Amino acid sequence: MRLPTIVFLSIGLVACAPHKAPVRSVADLLEDPVELQSVIDRCAAMPAKAATDPECANARIAIDRKGSQKDSAQAATAQQEFERRRAQLREQEDRKRAAQEPAKAGFDPYTSPVTVDPAPTPPKP
């Protein structure tokens, strides 16, 4: 008789225990910025618990990843701007060089006319 009573009591206690929400992953927090902010606020309000809370750790990781994504996006934008400016500079230099080329008219052995000297006449004795 005791065993069924213990089983029912333990089932009742487990059923009445507060249900913990599952720990949100880093991917979940990255997808929902409002949820991420709420976790960060909760962790900031309780710094002693935040040190051991896995959800706070996931929120810190999510913030770091967001920051690195912003950094990589800024680096890509800066690289595109650099390439655009370099192309503009090359075009300006090419135009300058093209403007100076005709002014440098000099001897060109490849395009100059070819002349043949007449054969020398042998000296008379």
C-alpha atoms as a PDB file:
ATOM      1  CA  MET A   1       0.000   0.000   0.000  1.00  0.00           C
ATOM      2  CA  ARG A   2       2.856   2.320   0.663  1.00  0.00           C
ATOM      3  CA  LEU A   3       4.398   2.079  -2.803  1.00  0.00           C
ATOM      4  CA  PRO A   4       1.356   3.384  -4.726  1.00  0.00           C
ATOM      5  CA  THR A   5       1.023   6.274  -2.298  1.00  0.00           C
ATOM      6  CA  ILE A   6       4.668   7.247  -2.749  1.00  0.00           C
ATOM      7  CA  VAL A   7       4.357   6.998  -6.530  1.00  0.00           C
ATOM      8  CA  PHE A   8       1.247   9.206  -6.597  1.00  0.00           C
ATOM      9  CA  LEU A   9       2.826  11.743  -4.277  1.00  0.00           C
ATOM     10  CA  SER A  10       5.998  11.960  -6.353  1.00  0.00           C
ATOM     11  CA  ILE A  11       3.991  12.353  -9.575  1.00  0.00           C
ATOM     12  CA  GLY A  12       1.924  15.069  -7.919  1.00  0.00           C
ATOM     13  CA  LEU A  13       5.013  16.928  -6.753  1.00  0.00           C
ATOM     14  CA  VAL A  14       6.618  16.738 -10.179  1.00  0.00           C
ATOM     15  CA  ALA A  15       3.439  17.959 -11.837  1.00  0.00           C
ATOM     16  CA  CYS A  16       3.120  20.917  -9.461  1.00  0.00           C
ATOM     17  CA  ALA A  17       6.760  21.954  -9.773  1.00  0.00           C
ATOM     18  CA  PRO A  18       7.294  25.192 -11.700  1.00  0.00           C
ATOM     19  CA  HIS A  19       8.013  24.553 -15.354  1.00  0.00           C
ATOM     20  CA  LYS A  20      11.306  26.033 -16.544  1.00  0.00           C
ATOM     21  CA  ALA A  21      11.425  27.487 -20.006  1.00  0.00           C
ATOM     22  CA  PRO A  22      14.076  25.899 -22.206  1.00  0.00           C
ATOM     23  CA  VAL A  23      17.325  27.808 -22.538  1.00  0.00           C
ATOM     24  CA  ARG A  24      17.294  29.880 -25.700  1.00  0.00           C
ATOM     25  CA  SER A  25      20.174  29.165 -28.031  1.00  0.00           C
ATOM     26  CA  VAL A  26      22.502  31.719 -29.580  1.00  0.00           C
ATOM     27  CA  ALA A  27      20.758  31.289 -32.954  1.00  0.00           C
ATOM     28  CA  ASP A  28      17.355  31.917 -31.370  1.00  0.00           C
ATOM     29  CA  LEU A  29      18.624  35.076 -29.701  1.00  0.00           C
ATOM     30  CA  LEU A  30      20.229  36.331 -32.920  1.00  0.00           C
ATOM     31  CA  GLU A  31      16.959  35.871 -34.798  1.00  0.00           C
ATOM     32  CA  ASP A  32      14.891  37.831 -32.254  1.00  0.00           C
ATOM     33  CA  PRO A  33      16.525  41.114 -31.135  1.00  0.00           C
ATOM     34  CA  VAL A  34      13.685  41.894 -28.694  1.00  0.00           C
ATOM     35  CA  GLU A  35      14.187  38.581 -26.941  1.00  0.00           C
ATOM     36  CA  LEU A  36      17.950  39.159 -26.877  1.00  0.00           C
ATOM     37  CA  GLN A  37      17.460  42.571 -25.285  1.00  0.00           C
ATOM     38  CA  SER A  38      15.115  41.151 -22.641  1.00  0.00           C
ATOM     39  CA  VAL A  39      17.669  38.470 -21.713  1.00  0.00           C
ATOM     40  CA  ILE A  40      20.450  41.080 -21.544  1.00  0.00           C
ATOM     41  CA  ASP A  41      18.297  43.307 -19.311  1.00  0.00           C
ATOM     42  CA  ARG A  42      17.471  40.379 -17.018  1.00  0.00           C
ATOM     43  CA  CYS A  43      21.136  39.395 -16.791  1.00  0.00           C
ATOM     44  CA  ALA A  44      22.170  42.985 -16.069  1.00  0.00           C
ATOM     45  CA  ALA A  45      19.600  43.184 -13.264  1.00  0.00           C
ATOM     46  CA  MET A  46      21.016  40.056 -11.564  1.00  0.00           C
ATOM     47  CA  PRO A  47      24.790  40.002 -12.148  1.00  0.00           C
ATOM     48  CA  ALA A  48      25.440  37.284  -9.537  1.00  0.00           C
ATOM     49  CA  LYS A  49      23.071  34.837 -11.235  1.00  0.00           C
ATOM     50  CA  ALA A  50      24.181  35.942 -14.718  1.00  0.00           C
ATOM     51  CA  ALA A  51      27.645  34.482 -14.177  1.00  0.00           C
ATOM     52  CA  THR A  52      26.268  30.935 -14.067  1.00  0.00           C
ATOM     53  CA  ASP A  53      23.123  31.267 -16.177  1.00  0.00           C
ATOM     54  CA  PRO A  54      23.542  29.520 -19.565  1.00  0.00           C
ATOM     55  CA  GLU A  55      21.033  31.849 -21.206  1.00  0.00           C
ATOM     56  CA  CYS A  56      23.108  34.882 -20.157  1.00  0.00           C
ATOM     57  CA  ALA A  57      26.185  33.217 -21.622  1.00  0.00           C
ATOM     58  CA  ASN A  58      24.302  32.611 -24.880  1.00  0.00           C
ATOM     59  CA  ALA A  59      23.197  36.249 -24.915  1.00  0.00           C
ATOM     60  CA  ARG A  60      26.801  37.421 -24.514  1.00  0.00           C
ATOM     61  CA  ILE A  61      27.884  35.174 -27.371  1.00  0.00           C
ATOM     62  CA  ALA A  62      25.020  36.483 -29.535  1.00  0.00           C
ATOM     63  CA  ILE A  63      26.067  40.076 -28.880  1.00  0.00           C
ATOM     64  CA  ASP A  64      29.675  39.250 -29.784  1.00  0.00           C
ATOM     65  CA  ARG A  65      28.552  37.618 -33.021  1.00  0.00           C
ATOM     66  CA  LYS A  66      26.356  40.591 -33.891  1.00  0.00           C
ATOM     67  CA  GLY A  67      29.330  42.872 -33.328  1.00  0.00           C
ATOM     68  CA  SER A  68      31.593  40.771 -35.535  1.00  0.00           C
ATOM     69  CA  GLN A  69      28.925  40.708 -38.251  1.00  0.00           C
ATOM     70  CA  LYS A  70      28.767  44.503 -38.136  1.00  0.00           C
ATOM     71  CA  ASP A  71      32.556  44.688 -38.270  1.00  0.00           C
ATOM     72  CA  SER A  72      32.731  42.395 -41.285  1.00  0.00           C
ATOM     73  CA  ALA A  73      29.972  44.355 -43.035  1.00  0.00           C
ATOM     74  CA  GLN A  74      31.855  47.596 -42.381  1.00  0.00           C
ATOM     75  CA  ALA A  75      35.078  46.027 -43.653  1.00  0.00           C
ATOM     76  CA  ALA A  76      33.335  44.878 -46.839  1.00  0.00           C
ATOM     77  CA  THR A  77      31.914  48.365 -47.380  1.00  0.00           C
ATOM     78  CA  ALA A  78      35.327  49.925 -46.795  1.00  0.00           C
ATOM     79  CA  GLN A  79      36.913  47.475 -49.260  1.00  0.00           C
ATOM     80  CA  GLN A  80      34.331  48.348 -51.922  1.00  0.00           C
ATOM     81  CA  GLU A  81      34.956  52.055 -51.375  1.00  0.00           C
ATOM     82  CA  PHE A  82      38.720  51.498 -51.648  1.00  0.00           C
ATOM     83  CA  GLU A  83      38.306  49.590 -54.920  1.00  0.00           C
ATOM     84  CA  ARG A  84      36.048  52.318 -56.341  1.00  0.00           C
ATOM     85  CA  ARG A  85      38.520  55.074 -55.463  1.00  0.00           C
ATOM     86  CA  ARG A  86      41.431  53.077 -56.841  1.00  0.00           C
ATOM     87  CA  ALA A  87      39.598  52.605 -60.141  1.00  0.00           C
ATOM     88  CA  GLN A  88      38.917  56.355 -60.307  1.00  0.00           C
ATOM     89  CA  LEU A  89      42.581  57.138 -59.649  1.00  0.00           C
ATOM     90  CA  ARG A  90      43.687  54.700 -62.354  1.00  0.00           C
ATOM     91  CA  GLU A  91      41.316  56.328 -64.849  1.00  0.00           C
ATOM     92  CA  GLN A  92      42.679  59.784 -63.993  1.00  0.00           C
ATOM     93  CA  GLU A  93      46.268  58.600 -64.399  1.00  0.00           C
ATOM     94  CA  ASP A  94      45.440  56.901 -67.703  1.00  0.00           C
ATOM     95  CA  ARG A  95      43.865  60.117 -68.996  1.00  0.00           C
ATOM     96  CA  LYS A  96      46.940  62.107 -67.934  1.00  0.00           C
ATOM     97  CA  ARG A  97      49.256  59.620 -69.593  1.00  0.00           C
ATOM     98  CA  ALA A  98      47.169  59.627 -72.785  1.00  0.00           C
ATOM     99  CA  ALA A  99      47.267  63.433 -72.886  1.00  0.00           C
ATOM    100  CA  GLN A 100      51.066  63.421 -72.530  1.00  0.00           C
ATOM    101  CA  GLU A 101      51.764  60.678 -75.090  1.00  0.00           C
ATOM    102  CA  PRO A 102      51.119  62.709 -78.288  1.00  0.00           C
ATOM    103  CA  ALA A 103      53.318  65.538 -76.995  1.00  0.00           C
ATOM    104  CA  LYS A 104      56.253  63.132 -76.802  1.00  0.00           C
ATOM    105  CA  ALA A 105      56.786  62.817 -80.529  1.00  0.00           C
ATOM    106  CA  GLY A 106      60.296  61.442 -80.899  1.00  0.00           C
ATOM    107  CA  PHE A 107      62.185  58.941 -82.965  1.00  0.00           C
ATOM    108  CA  ASP A 108      60.426  55.609 -83.168  1.00  0.00           C
ATOM    109  CA  PRO A 109      62.560  52.985 -84.886  1.00  0.00           C
ATOM    110  CA  TYR A 110      59.590  50.716 -85.456  1.00  0.00           C
ATOM    111  CA  THR A 111      57.502  53.189 -87.403  1.00  0.00           C
ATOM    112  CA  SER A 112      60.205  55.279 -89.128  1.00  0.00           C
ATOM    113  CA  PRO A 113      60.710  54.783 -92.893  1.00  0.00           C
ATOM    114  CA  VAL A 114      63.459  52.444 -94.005  1.00  0.00           C
ATOM    115  CA  THR A 115      66.058  53.753 -96.497  1.00  0.00           C
ATOM    116  CA  VAL A 116      68.741  51.776 -98.245  1.00  0.00           C
ATOM    117  CA  ASP A 117      72.080  53.441 -98.956  1.00  0.00           C
ATOM    118  CA  PRO A 118      73.349  52.904-102.491  1.00  0.00           C
ATOM    119  CA  ALA A 119      76.152  50.400-102.777  1.00  0.00           C
ATOM    120  CA  PRO A 120      79.530  52.074-102.403  1.00  0.00           C
ATOM    121  CA  THR A 121      81.505  52.389-105.573  1.00  0.00           C
ATOM    122  CA  PRO A 122      84.937  50.808-105.519  1.00  0.00           C
ATOM    123  CA  PRO A 123      87.783  53.293-105.692  1.00  0.00           C
ATOM    124  CA  LYS A 124      89.448  53.773-109.095  1.00  0.00           C
ATOM    125  CA  PRO A 125      93.133  52.866-109.398  1.00  0.00           C
END
